[in-house]
PDB file of N, CA and C in Angstrom:
ATOM      1  N   MET A   1       0.786  -1.194   0.006  1.00  0.00           N
ATOM      2  CA  MET A   1      -0.035  -0.003   0.022  1.00  0.00           C
ATOM      3  C   MET A   1       0.859   1.276  -0.012  1.00  0.00           C
ATOM      4  N   PRO A   2       2.042   1.279   0.492  1.00  0.00           N
ATOM      5  CA  PRO A   2       2.853   2.512   0.308  1.00  0.00           C
ATOM      6  C   PRO A   2       3.193   2.663  -1.185  1.00  0.00           C
ATOM      7  N   LEU A   3       3.117   3.947  -1.573  1.00  0.00           N
ATOM      8  CA  LEU A   3       3.383   4.335  -2.990  1.00  0.00           C
ATOM      9  C   LEU A   3       4.283   5.517  -2.964  1.00  0.00           C
ATOM     10  N   ILE A   4       5.286   5.513  -3.843  1.00  0.00           N
ATOM     11  CA  ILE A   4       6.115   6.695  -4.057  1.00  0.00           C
ATOM     12  C   ILE A   4       6.176   6.982  -5.580  1.00  0.00           C
ATOM     13  N   ILE A   5       5.805   8.194  -5.911  1.00  0.00           N
ATOM     14  CA  ILE A   5       5.844   8.621  -7.303  1.00  0.00           C
ATOM     15  C   ILE A   5       6.876   9.750  -7.400  1.00  0.00           C
ATOM     16  N   VAL A   6       7.751   9.598  -8.372  1.00  0.00           N
ATOM     17  CA  VAL A   6       8.778  10.569  -8.563  1.00  0.00           C
ATOM     18  C   VAL A   6       8.619  11.071  -9.999  1.00  0.00           C
ATOM     19  N   ARG A   7       8.338  12.380 -10.086  1.00  0.00           N
ATOM     20  CA  ARG A   7       8.258  13.033 -11.393  1.00  0.00           C
ATOM     21  C   ARG A   7       9.398  14.025 -11.522  1.00  0.00           C
ATOM     22  N   THR A   8      10.124  13.921 -12.582  1.00  0.00           N
ATOM     23  CA  THR A   8      11.280  14.847 -12.737  1.00  0.00           C
ATOM     24  C   THR A   8      11.441  15.345 -14.138  1.00  0.00           C
ATOM     25  N   SER A   9      12.054  16.548 -14.228  1.00  0.00           N
ATOM     26  CA  SER A   9      12.281  17.159 -15.528  1.00  0.00           C
ATOM     27  C   SER A   9      13.425  16.550 -16.295  1.00  0.00           C
ATOM     28  N   ILE A  10      14.299  15.812 -15.617  1.00  0.00           N
ATOM     29  CA  ILE A  10      15.435  15.258 -16.337  1.00  0.00           C
ATOM     30  C   ILE A  10      14.924  14.222 -17.318  1.00  0.00           C
ATOM     31  N   SER A  11      15.642  14.079 -18.375  1.00  0.00           N
ATOM     32  CA  SER A  11      15.135  13.242 -19.511  1.00  0.00           C
ATOM     33  C   SER A  11      15.353  11.744 -19.281  1.00  0.00           C
ATOM     34  N   ARG A  12      16.356  11.442 -18.513  1.00  0.00           N
ATOM     35  CA  ARG A  12      16.663   9.949 -18.338  1.00  0.00           C
ATOM     36  C   ARG A  12      17.345   9.790 -16.974  1.00  0.00           C
ATOM     37  N   VAL A  13      16.981   8.714 -16.309  1.00  0.00           N
ATOM     38  CA  VAL A  13      17.614   8.344 -15.084  1.00  0.00           C
ATOM     39  C   VAL A  13      18.467   7.057 -15.367  1.00  0.00           C
ATOM     40  N   GLU A  14      19.774   7.170 -15.093  1.00  0.00           N
ATOM     41  CA  GLU A  14      20.623   5.992 -15.249  1.00  0.00           C
ATOM     42  C   GLU A  14      20.200   4.937 -14.257  1.00  0.00           C
ATOM     43  N   ASN A  15      20.173   3.691 -14.724  1.00  0.00           N
ATOM     44  CA  ASN A  15      19.845   2.586 -13.847  1.00  0.00           C
ATOM     45  C   ASN A  15      18.489   2.803 -13.163  1.00  0.00           C
ATOM     46  N   GLU A  16      17.429   3.014 -13.948  1.00  0.00           N
ATOM     47  CA  GLU A  16      16.097   3.256 -13.428  1.00  0.00           C
ATOM     48  C   GLU A  16      15.637   2.169 -12.486  1.00  0.00           C
ATOM     49  N   GLU A  17      15.874   0.905 -12.875  1.00  0.00           N
ATOM     50  CA  GLU A  17      15.444  -0.167 -12.015  1.00  0.00           C
ATOM     51  C   GLU A  17      16.098  -0.167 -10.658  1.00  0.00           C
ATOM     52  N   SER A  18      17.368   0.115 -10.641  1.00  0.00           N
ATOM     53  CA  SER A  18      18.131   0.200  -9.352  1.00  0.00           C
ATOM     54  C   SER A  18      17.582   1.382  -8.480  1.00  0.00           C
ATOM     55  N   PHE A  19      17.306   2.514  -9.143  1.00  0.00           N
ATOM     56  CA  PHE A  19      16.813   3.700  -8.444  1.00  0.00           C
ATOM     57  C   PHE A  19      15.457   3.339  -7.891  1.00  0.00           C
ATOM     58  N   LEU A  20      14.570   2.755  -8.640  1.00  0.00           N
ATOM     59  CA  LEU A  20      13.242   2.382  -8.137  1.00  0.00           C
ATOM     60  C   LEU A  20      13.336   1.365  -6.967  1.00  0.00           C
ATOM     61  N   GLN A  21      14.256   0.443  -7.030  1.00  0.00           N
ATOM     62  CA  GLN A  21      14.496  -0.533  -5.980  1.00  0.00           C
ATOM     63  C   GLN A  21      14.936   0.152  -4.712  1.00  0.00           C
ATOM     64  N   LEU A  22      15.843   1.113  -4.789  1.00  0.00           N
ATOM     65  CA  LEU A  22      16.271   1.893  -3.649  1.00  0.00           C
ATOM     66  C   LEU A  22      15.093   2.623  -2.972  1.00  0.00           C
ATOM     67  N   LEU A  23      14.271   3.252  -3.812  1.00  0.00           N
ATOM     68  CA  LEU A  23      13.024   3.928  -3.289  1.00  0.00           C
ATOM     69  C   LEU A  23      12.153   2.899  -2.611  1.00  0.00           C
ATOM     70  N   SER A  24      11.949   1.772  -3.237  1.00  0.00           N
ATOM     71  CA  SER A  24      11.074   0.737  -2.626  1.00  0.00           C
ATOM     72  C   SER A  24      11.580   0.227  -1.289  1.00  0.00           C
ATOM     73  N   ASN A  25      12.881  -0.087  -1.290  1.00  0.00           N
ATOM     74  CA  ASN A  25      13.455  -0.554   0.001  1.00  0.00           C
ATOM     75  C   ASN A  25      13.329   0.436   1.089  1.00  0.00           C
ATOM     76  N   GLN A  26      13.621   1.716   0.756  1.00  0.00           N
ATOM     77  CA  GLN A  26      13.580   2.822   1.729  1.00  0.00           C
ATOM     78  C   GLN A  26      12.140   3.047   2.230  1.00  0.00           C
ATOM     79  N   LEU A  27      11.170   3.071   1.305  1.00  0.00           N
ATOM     80  CA  LEU A  27       9.799   3.272   1.706  1.00  0.00           C
ATOM     81  C   LEU A  27       9.330   2.163   2.576  1.00  0.00           C
ATOM     82  N   SER A  28       9.638   0.917   2.253  1.00  0.00           N
ATOM     83  CA  SER A  28       9.233  -0.221   3.079  1.00  0.00           C
ATOM     84  C   SER A  28       9.802  -0.090   4.480  1.00  0.00           C
ATOM     85  N   GLU A  29      11.099   0.202   4.548  1.00  0.00           N
ATOM     86  CA  GLU A  29      11.750   0.347   5.848  1.00  0.00           C
ATOM     87  C   GLU A  29      11.147   1.474   6.629  1.00  0.00           C
ATOM     88  N   MET A  30      10.856   2.618   6.061  1.00  0.00           N
ATOM     89  CA  MET A  30      10.430   3.759   6.775  1.00  0.00           C
ATOM     90  C   MET A  30       8.957   3.649   7.236  1.00  0.00           C
ATOM     91  N   THR A  31       8.148   2.857   6.508  1.00  0.00           N
ATOM     92  CA  THR A  31       6.783   2.666   6.880  1.00  0.00           C
ATOM     93  C   THR A  31       6.556   1.417   7.748  1.00  0.00           C
ATOM     94  N   GLY A  32       7.605   0.533   7.737  1.00  0.00           N
ATOM     95  CA  GLY A  32       7.449  -0.739   8.453  1.00  0.00           C
ATOM     96  C   GLY A  32       6.478  -1.631   7.799  1.00  0.00           C
ATOM     97  N   LYS A  33       6.215  -1.408   6.480  1.00  0.00           N
ATOM     98  CA  LYS A  33       5.289  -2.260   5.714  1.00  0.00           C
ATOM     99  C   LYS A  33       6.071  -3.207   4.815  1.00  0.00           C
ATOM    100  N   PRO A  34       5.552  -4.415   4.575  1.00  0.00           N
ATOM    101  CA  PRO A  34       6.265  -5.374   3.705  1.00  0.00           C
ATOM    102  C   PRO A  34       6.492  -4.829   2.342  1.00  0.00           C
ATOM    103  N   GLU A  35       7.653  -5.032   1.786  1.00  0.00           N
ATOM    104  CA  GLU A  35       7.941  -4.513   0.458  1.00  0.00           C
ATOM    105  C   GLU A  35       7.074  -5.121  -0.606  1.00  0.00           C
ATOM    106  N   GLN A  36       6.477  -6.237  -0.343  1.00  0.00           N
ATOM    107  CA  GLN A  36       5.615  -6.870  -1.281  1.00  0.00           C
ATOM    108  C   GLN A  36       4.388  -6.013  -1.636  1.00  0.00           C
ATOM    109  N   TYR A  37       4.102  -4.983  -0.800  1.00  0.00           N
ATOM    110  CA  TYR A  37       2.970  -4.067  -1.057  1.00  0.00           C
ATOM    111  C   TYR A  37       3.434  -2.660  -1.497  1.00  0.00           C
ATOM    112  N   VAL A  38       4.714  -2.439  -1.624  1.00  0.00           N
ATOM    113  CA  VAL A  38       5.253  -1.128  -2.011  1.00  0.00           C
ATOM    114  C   VAL A  38       5.184  -1.023  -3.542  1.00  0.00           C
ATOM    115  N   MET A  39       4.767   0.128  -4.003  1.00  0.00           N
ATOM    116  CA  MET A  39       4.807   0.423  -5.411  1.00  0.00           C
ATOM    117  C   MET A  39       5.660   1.695  -5.648  1.00  0.00           C
ATOM    118  N   THR A  40       6.489   1.706  -6.720  1.00  0.00           N
ATOM    119  CA  THR A  40       7.263   2.865  -7.064  1.00  0.00           C
ATOM    120  C   THR A  40       6.918   3.164  -8.526  1.00  0.00           C
ATOM    121  N   LEU A  41       6.983   4.468  -8.780  1.00  0.00           N
ATOM    122  CA  LEU A  41       6.678   4.996 -10.113  1.00  0.00           C
ATOM    123  C   LEU A  41       7.587   6.123 -10.459  1.00  0.00           C
ATOM    124  N   LEU A  42       8.122   6.097 -11.633  1.00  0.00           N
ATOM    125  CA  LEU A  42       9.110   7.130 -12.064  1.00  0.00           C
ATOM    126  C   LEU A  42       8.656   7.664 -13.403  1.00  0.00           C
ATOM    127  N   GLU A  43       8.466   8.977 -13.471  1.00  0.00           N
ATOM    128  CA  GLU A  43       8.190   9.669 -14.755  1.00  0.00           C
ATOM    129  C   GLU A  43       9.317  10.629 -14.993  1.00  0.00           C
ATOM    130  N   THR A  44       9.961  10.457 -16.152  1.00  0.00           N
ATOM    131  CA  THR A  44      11.074  11.435 -16.544  1.00  0.00           C
ATOM    132  C   THR A  44      10.592  12.312 -17.646  1.00  0.00           C
ATOM    133  N   ASN A  45      11.381  13.342 -17.900  1.00  0.00           N
ATOM    134  CA  ASN A  45      11.106  14.293 -18.994  1.00  0.00           C
ATOM    135  C   ASN A  45       9.765  14.958 -18.845  1.00  0.00           C
ATOM    136  N   VAL A  46       9.391  15.256 -17.598  1.00  0.00           N
ATOM    137  CA  VAL A  46       8.145  15.948 -17.327  1.00  0.00           C
ATOM    138  C   VAL A  46       8.420  17.448 -17.389  1.00  0.00           C
ATOM    139  N   PRO A  47       7.720  18.190 -18.261  1.00  0.00           N
ATOM    140  CA  PRO A  47       7.904  19.627 -18.325  1.00  0.00           C
ATOM    141  C   PRO A  47       7.571  20.269 -16.973  1.00  0.00           C
ATOM    142  N   MET A  48       8.479  20.977 -16.374  1.00  0.00           N
ATOM    143  CA  MET A  48       8.225  21.627 -15.158  1.00  0.00           C
ATOM    144  C   MET A  48       9.211  22.804 -14.885  1.00  0.00           C
ATOM    145  N   THR A  49       8.753  23.701 -14.087  1.00  0.00           N
ATOM    146  CA  THR A  49       9.659  24.753 -13.631  1.00  0.00           C
ATOM    147  C   THR A  49       9.581  24.765 -12.086  1.00  0.00           C
ATOM    148  N   PHE A  50      10.644  25.359 -11.495  1.00  0.00           N
ATOM    149  CA  PHE A  50      10.626  25.475 -10.039  1.00  0.00           C
ATOM    150  C   PHE A  50      11.346  26.763  -9.801  1.00  0.00           C
ATOM    151  N   ALA A  51      10.804  27.631  -8.993  1.00  0.00           N
ATOM    152  CA  ALA A  51      11.408  28.950  -8.703  1.00  0.00           C
ATOM    153  C   ALA A  51      11.660  29.734 -10.005  1.00  0.00           C
ATOM    154  N   GLY A  52      10.747  29.550 -10.976  1.00  0.00           N
ATOM    155  CA  GLY A  52      10.905  30.298 -12.199  1.00  0.00           C
ATOM    156  C   GLY A  52      11.971  29.837 -13.128  1.00  0.00           C
ATOM    157  N   SER A  53      12.529  28.649 -12.842  1.00  0.00           N
ATOM    158  CA  SER A  53      13.617  28.116 -13.693  1.00  0.00           C
ATOM    159  C   SER A  53      13.268  26.692 -14.155  1.00  0.00           C
ATOM    160  N   SER A  54      13.741  26.387 -15.334  1.00  0.00           N
ATOM    161  CA  SER A  54      13.583  25.009 -15.885  1.00  0.00           C
ATOM    162  C   SER A  54      14.738  24.108 -15.576  1.00  0.00           C
ATOM    163  N   LYS A  55      15.674  24.511 -14.680  1.00  0.00           N
ATOM    164  CA  LYS A  55      16.734  23.619 -14.296  1.00  0.00           C
ATOM    165  C   LYS A  55      16.125  22.333 -13.673  1.00  0.00           C
ATOM    166  N   ALA A  56      16.943  21.254 -13.623  1.00  0.00           N
ATOM    167  CA  ALA A  56      16.410  20.008 -13.090  1.00  0.00           C
ATOM    168  C   ALA A  56      15.692  20.130 -11.787  1.00  0.00           C
ATOM    169  N   SER A  57      14.514  19.554 -11.731  1.00  0.00           N
ATOM    170  CA  SER A  57      13.696  19.633 -10.494  1.00  0.00           C
ATOM    171  C   SER A  57      12.939  18.324 -10.409  1.00  0.00           C
ATOM    172  N   CYS A  58      12.215  18.214  -9.274  1.00  0.00           N
ATOM    173  CA  CYS A  58      11.592  16.906  -9.009  1.00  0.00           C
ATOM    174  C   CYS A  58      10.328  17.154  -8.131  1.00  0.00           C
ATOM    175  N   TYR A  59       9.263  16.421  -8.391  1.00  0.00           N
ATOM    176  CA  TYR A  59       8.061  16.420  -7.514  1.00  0.00           C
ATOM    177  C   TYR A  59       7.808  15.005  -7.150  1.00  0.00           C
ATOM    178  N   VAL A  60       7.672  14.756  -5.835  1.00  0.00           N
ATOM    179  CA  VAL A  60       7.491  13.456  -5.278  1.00  0.00           C
ATOM    180  C   VAL A  60       6.192  13.374  -4.475  1.00  0.00           C
ATOM    181  N   GLU A  61       5.484  12.274  -4.673  1.00  0.00           N
ATOM    182  CA  GLU A  61       4.290  12.007  -3.831  1.00  0.00           C
ATOM    183  C   GLU A  61       4.531  10.706  -3.047  1.00  0.00           C
ATOM    184  N   VAL A  62       4.247  10.739  -1.748  1.00  0.00           N
ATOM    185  CA  VAL A  62       4.302   9.586  -0.912  1.00  0.00           C
ATOM    186  C   VAL A  62       2.946   9.367  -0.345  1.00  0.00           C
ATOM    187  N   LYS A  63       2.401   8.137  -0.577  1.00  0.00           N
ATOM    188  CA  LYS A  63       1.080   7.808  -0.032  1.00  0.00           C
ATOM    189  C   LYS A  63       1.139   6.519   0.696  1.00  0.00           C
ATOM    190  N   SER A  64       0.367   6.391   1.773  1.00  0.00           N
ATOM    191  CA  SER A  64       0.372   5.167   2.556  1.00  0.00           C
ATOM    192  C   SER A  64      -0.862   5.165   3.416  1.00  0.00           C
ATOM    193  N   ILE A  65      -1.205   4.007   3.894  1.00  0.00           N
ATOM    194  CA  ILE A  65      -2.275   3.877   4.906  1.00  0.00           C
ATOM    195  C   ILE A  65      -1.460   3.993   6.221  1.00  0.00           C
ATOM    196  N   GLY A  66      -1.444   5.156   6.826  1.00  0.00           N
ATOM    197  CA  GLY A  66      -0.673   5.430   8.042  1.00  0.00           C
ATOM    198  C   GLY A  66       0.766   5.224   7.829  1.00  0.00           C
ATOM    199  N   SER A  67       1.517   5.257   8.962  1.00  0.00           N
ATOM    200  CA  SER A  67       2.973   4.989   8.966  1.00  0.00           C
ATOM    201  C   SER A  67       3.801   6.044   8.273  1.00  0.00           C
ATOM    202  N   LEU A  68       3.234   7.223   8.076  1.00  0.00           N
ATOM    203  CA  LEU A  68       4.049   8.343   7.418  1.00  0.00           C
ATOM    204  C   LEU A  68       4.697   9.177   8.511  1.00  0.00           C
ATOM    205  N   ASN A  69       5.943   9.524   8.300  1.00  0.00           N
ATOM    206  CA  ASN A  69       6.680  10.446   9.145  1.00  0.00           C
ATOM    207  C   ASN A  69       7.310  11.500   8.247  1.00  0.00           C
ATOM    208  N   PRO A  70       6.550  12.518   7.773  1.00  0.00           N
ATOM    209  CA  PRO A  70       6.961  13.422   6.781  1.00  0.00           C
ATOM    210  C   PRO A  70       8.333  14.117   7.009  1.00  0.00           C
ATOM    211  N   GLY A  71       8.599  14.468   8.257  1.00  0.00           N
ATOM    212  CA  GLY A  71       9.877  15.178   8.540  1.00  0.00           C
ATOM    213  C   GLY A  71      11.082  14.366   8.254  1.00  0.00           C
ATOM    214  N   ILE A  72      11.063  13.072   8.710  1.00  0.00           N
ATOM    215  CA  ILE A  72      12.178  12.195   8.477  1.00  0.00           C
ATOM    216  C   ILE A  72      12.179  11.740   7.003  1.00  0.00           C
ATOM    217  N   MET A  73      11.041  11.430   6.454  1.00  0.00           N
ATOM    218  CA  MET A  73      10.908  10.933   5.077  1.00  0.00           C
ATOM    219  C   MET A  73      11.395  12.007   4.083  1.00  0.00           C
ATOM    220  N   ALA A  74      11.021  13.298   4.304  1.00  0.00           N
ATOM    221  CA  ALA A  74      11.445  14.349   3.444  1.00  0.00           C
ATOM    222  C   ALA A  74      12.976  14.430   3.319  1.00  0.00           C
ATOM    223  N   ALA A  75      13.616  14.420   4.503  1.00  0.00           N
ATOM    224  CA  ALA A  75      15.085  14.464   4.510  1.00  0.00           C
ATOM    225  C   ALA A  75      15.727  13.249   3.851  1.00  0.00           C
ATOM    226  N   THR A  76      15.198  12.057   4.154  1.00  0.00           N
ATOM    227  CA  THR A  76      15.703  10.831   3.578  1.00  0.00           C
ATOM    228  C   THR A  76      15.541  10.733   2.042  1.00  0.00           C
ATOM    229  N   PHE A  77      14.345  11.029   1.550  1.00  0.00           N
ATOM    230  CA  PHE A  77      14.120  10.932   0.079  1.00  0.00           C
ATOM    231  C   PHE A  77      14.842  12.029  -0.679  1.00  0.00           C
ATOM    232  N   CYS A  78      14.905  13.247  -0.096  1.00  0.00           N
ATOM    233  CA  CYS A  78      15.695  14.350  -0.767  1.00  0.00           C
ATOM    234  C   CYS A  78      17.142  13.927  -0.888  1.00  0.00           C
ATOM    235  N   LYS A  79      17.735  13.356   0.199  1.00  0.00           N
ATOM    236  CA  LYS A  79      19.088  12.926   0.165  1.00  0.00           C
ATOM    237  C   LYS A  79      19.291  11.802  -0.880  1.00  0.00           C
ATOM    238  N   LEU A  80      18.380  10.872  -0.857  1.00  0.00           N
ATOM    239  CA  LEU A  80      18.470   9.727  -1.805  1.00  0.00           C
ATOM    240  C   LEU A  80      18.431  10.252  -3.284  1.00  0.00           C
ATOM    241  N   ILE A  81      17.439  11.112  -3.547  1.00  0.00           N
ATOM    242  CA  ILE A  81      17.268  11.571  -4.909  1.00  0.00           C
ATOM    243  C   ILE A  81      18.433  12.480  -5.287  1.00  0.00           C
ATOM    244  N   GLU A  82      19.005  13.264  -4.454  1.00  0.00           N
ATOM    245  CA  GLU A  82      20.084  14.095  -4.749  1.00  0.00           C
ATOM    246  C   GLU A  82      21.306  13.254  -5.042  1.00  0.00           C
ATOM    247  N   LYS A  83      21.534  12.176  -4.302  1.00  0.00           N
ATOM    248  CA  LYS A  83      22.659  11.289  -4.508  1.00  0.00           C
ATOM    249  C   LYS A  83      22.519  10.503  -5.794  1.00  0.00           C
ATOM    250  N   GLU A  84      21.323   9.908  -6.035  1.00  0.00           N
ATOM    251  CA  GLU A  84      21.138   8.978  -7.127  1.00  0.00           C
ATOM    252  C   GLU A  84      20.950   9.665  -8.497  1.00  0.00           C
ATOM    253  N   ILE A  85      20.241  10.811  -8.506  1.00  0.00           N
ATOM    254  CA  ILE A  85      19.884  11.429  -9.838  1.00  0.00           C
ATOM    255  C   ILE A  85      20.297  12.894  -9.895  1.00  0.00           C
ATOM    256  N   SER A  86      21.074  13.332  -8.903  1.00  0.00           N
ATOM    257  CA  SER A  86      21.745  14.666  -8.959  1.00  0.00           C
ATOM    258  C   SER A  86      20.814  15.818  -9.061  1.00  0.00           C
ATOM    259  N   ILE A  87      19.648  15.733  -8.414  1.00  0.00           N
ATOM    260  CA  ILE A  87      18.777  16.890  -8.340  1.00  0.00           C
ATOM    261  C   ILE A  87      18.924  17.452  -6.907  1.00  0.00           C
ATOM    262  N   PRO A  88      19.312  18.727  -6.828  1.00  0.00           N
ATOM    263  CA  PRO A  88      19.518  19.324  -5.443  1.00  0.00           C
ATOM    264  C   PRO A  88      18.248  19.269  -4.668  1.00  0.00           C
ATOM    265  N   ALA A  89      18.439  19.048  -3.348  1.00  0.00           N
ATOM    266  CA  ALA A  89      17.305  18.986  -2.378  1.00  0.00           C
ATOM    267  C   ALA A  89      16.456  20.205  -2.474  1.00  0.00           C
ATOM    268  N   ASN A  90      17.054  21.341  -2.725  1.00  0.00           N
ATOM    269  CA  ASN A  90      16.259  22.614  -2.788  1.00  0.00           C
ATOM    270  C   ASN A  90      15.497  22.781  -4.048  1.00  0.00           C
ATOM    271  N   ARG A  91      15.509  21.721  -4.943  1.00  0.00           N
ATOM    272  CA  ARG A  91      14.712  21.714  -6.156  1.00  0.00           C
ATOM    273  C   ARG A  91      13.731  20.526  -6.146  1.00  0.00           C
ATOM    274  N   ILE A  92      13.408  20.087  -4.945  1.00  0.00           N
ATOM    275  CA  ILE A  92      12.478  18.927  -4.777  1.00  0.00           C
ATOM    276  C   ILE A  92      11.335  19.313  -3.894  1.00  0.00           C
ATOM    277  N   TYR A  93      10.165  19.082  -4.305  1.00  0.00           N
ATOM    278  CA  TYR A  93       8.965  19.204  -3.470  1.00  0.00           C
ATOM    279  C   TYR A  93       8.494  17.794  -3.221  1.00  0.00           C
ATOM    280  N   ILE A  94       7.967  17.556  -1.976  1.00  0.00           N
ATOM    281  CA  ILE A  94       7.470  16.269  -1.620  1.00  0.00           C
ATOM    282  C   ILE A  94       6.118  16.474  -0.997  1.00  0.00           C
ATOM    283  N   SER A  95       5.069  15.715  -1.404  1.00  0.00           N
ATOM    284  CA  SER A  95       3.764  15.722  -0.887  1.00  0.00           C
ATOM    285  C   SER A  95       3.528  14.405  -0.206  1.00  0.00           C
ATOM    286  N   PHE A  96       2.901  14.420   0.997  1.00  0.00           N
ATOM    287  CA  PHE A  96       2.605  13.237   1.769  1.00  0.00           C
ATOM    288  C   PHE A  96       1.081  13.110   1.895  1.00  0.00           C
ATOM    289  N   GLU A  97       0.572  11.900   1.777  1.00  0.00           N
ATOM    290  CA  GLU A  97      -0.848  11.694   1.914  1.00  0.00           C
ATOM    291  C   GLU A  97      -1.135  10.375   2.671  1.00  0.00           C
ATOM    292  N   ASP A  98      -1.820  10.500   3.796  1.00  0.00           N
ATOM    293  CA  ASP A  98      -2.221   9.370   4.564  1.00  0.00           C
ATOM    294  C   ASP A  98      -3.620   8.963   4.126  1.00  0.00           C
ATOM    295  N   ILE A  99      -3.683   7.875   3.462  1.00  0.00           N
ATOM    296  CA  ILE A  99      -4.989   7.388   2.810  1.00  0.00           C
ATOM    297  C   ILE A  99      -5.710   6.474   3.773  1.00  0.00           C
ATOM    298  N   PRO A 100      -7.020   6.741   4.041  1.00  0.00           N
ATOM    299  CA  PRO A 100      -7.820   5.795   4.831  1.00  0.00           C
ATOM    300  C   PRO A 100      -7.901   4.442   4.142  1.00  0.00           C
ATOM    301  N   ALA A 101      -7.771   3.397   4.904  1.00  0.00           N
ATOM    302  CA  ALA A 101      -7.705   2.024   4.376  1.00  0.00           C
ATOM    303  C   ALA A 101      -8.904   1.728   3.479  1.00  0.00           C
ATOM    304  N   LYS A 102     -10.065   2.333   3.740  1.00  0.00           N
ATOM    305  CA  LYS A 102     -11.244   2.009   2.908  1.00  0.00           C
ATOM    306  C   LYS A 102     -11.160   2.665   1.568  1.00  0.00           C
ATOM    307  N   PHE A 103     -10.197   3.568   1.408  1.00  0.00           N
ATOM    308  CA  PHE A 103     -10.031   4.225   0.088  1.00  0.00           C
ATOM    309  C   PHE A 103      -8.782   3.711  -0.701  1.00  0.00           C
ATOM    310  N   TRP A 104      -8.269   2.596  -0.270  1.00  0.00           N
ATOM    311  CA  TRP A 104      -7.074   2.013  -0.944  1.00  0.00           C
ATOM    312  C   TRP A 104      -7.433   0.624  -1.385  1.00  0.00           C
ATOM    313  N   GLY A 105      -7.434   0.392  -2.721  1.00  0.00           N
ATOM    314  CA  GLY A 105      -7.821  -0.907  -3.247  1.00  0.00           C
ATOM    315  C   GLY A 105      -6.652  -1.736  -3.729  1.00  0.00           C
ATOM    316  N   TRP A 106      -6.805  -3.035  -3.675  1.00  0.00           N
ATOM    317  CA  TRP A 106      -5.770  -3.955  -4.152  1.00  0.00           C
ATOM    318  C   TRP A 106      -6.424  -5.317  -4.274  1.00  0.00           C
ATOM    319  N   ASP A 107      -6.136  -6.020  -5.312  1.00  0.00           N
ATOM    320  CA  ASP A 107      -6.559  -7.392  -5.482  1.00  0.00           C
ATOM    321  C   ASP A 107      -8.048  -7.557  -5.375  1.00  0.00           C
ATOM    322  N   GLY A 108      -8.808  -6.606  -5.944  1.00  0.00           N
ATOM    323  CA  GLY A 108     -10.276  -6.667  -6.031  1.00  0.00           C
ATOM    324  C   GLY A 108     -10.982  -6.245  -4.760  1.00  0.00           C
ATOM    325  N   ARG A 109     -10.272  -5.663  -3.776  1.00  0.00           N
ATOM    326  CA  ARG A 109     -10.910  -5.304  -2.539  1.00  0.00           C
ATOM    327  C   ARG A 109     -10.160  -4.074  -1.977  1.00  0.00           C
ATOM    328  N   THR A 110     -10.601  -3.557  -0.884  1.00  0.00           N
ATOM    329  CA  THR A 110      -9.950  -2.480  -0.200  1.00  0.00           C
ATOM    330  C   THR A 110      -9.293  -3.020   1.049  1.00  0.00           C
ATOM    331  N   PHE A 111      -8.374  -2.230   1.645  1.00  0.00           N
ATOM    332  CA  PHE A 111      -7.711  -2.680   2.872  1.00  0.00           C
ATOM    333  C   PHE A 111      -8.565  -2.397   4.091  1.00  0.00           C
ATOM    334  N   GLY A 112      -9.624  -1.605   4.004  1.00  0.00           N
ATOM    335  CA  GLY A 112     -10.434  -1.248   5.103  1.00  0.00           C
ATOM    336  C   GLY A 112     -11.846  -1.741   5.113  1.00  0.00           C
TER     337      GLY A 112
END
């Protein structure tokens, strides 16, 4: 049920699969939820500006049924993204959403 979506203006991410796996591992660890339920999504080459500039930037969404710690997660994911795809932390926005279990579906049913 944890989901992380990374949208970035850069045209290509080297080793996409490895990057997605790092995000998956980190999100599982930080939420305490089994990785078998974690989904990662990466969109590159997204037209965007940040602070009036089209320099490389990134928008991240993190969603889960509970288990979110935005302060710690923001620092961790910014550091990971900066290290792995060279987007400075000050050009990354992150949105967090705690989804009620009854509004999260999987395998033909909801979690709540």
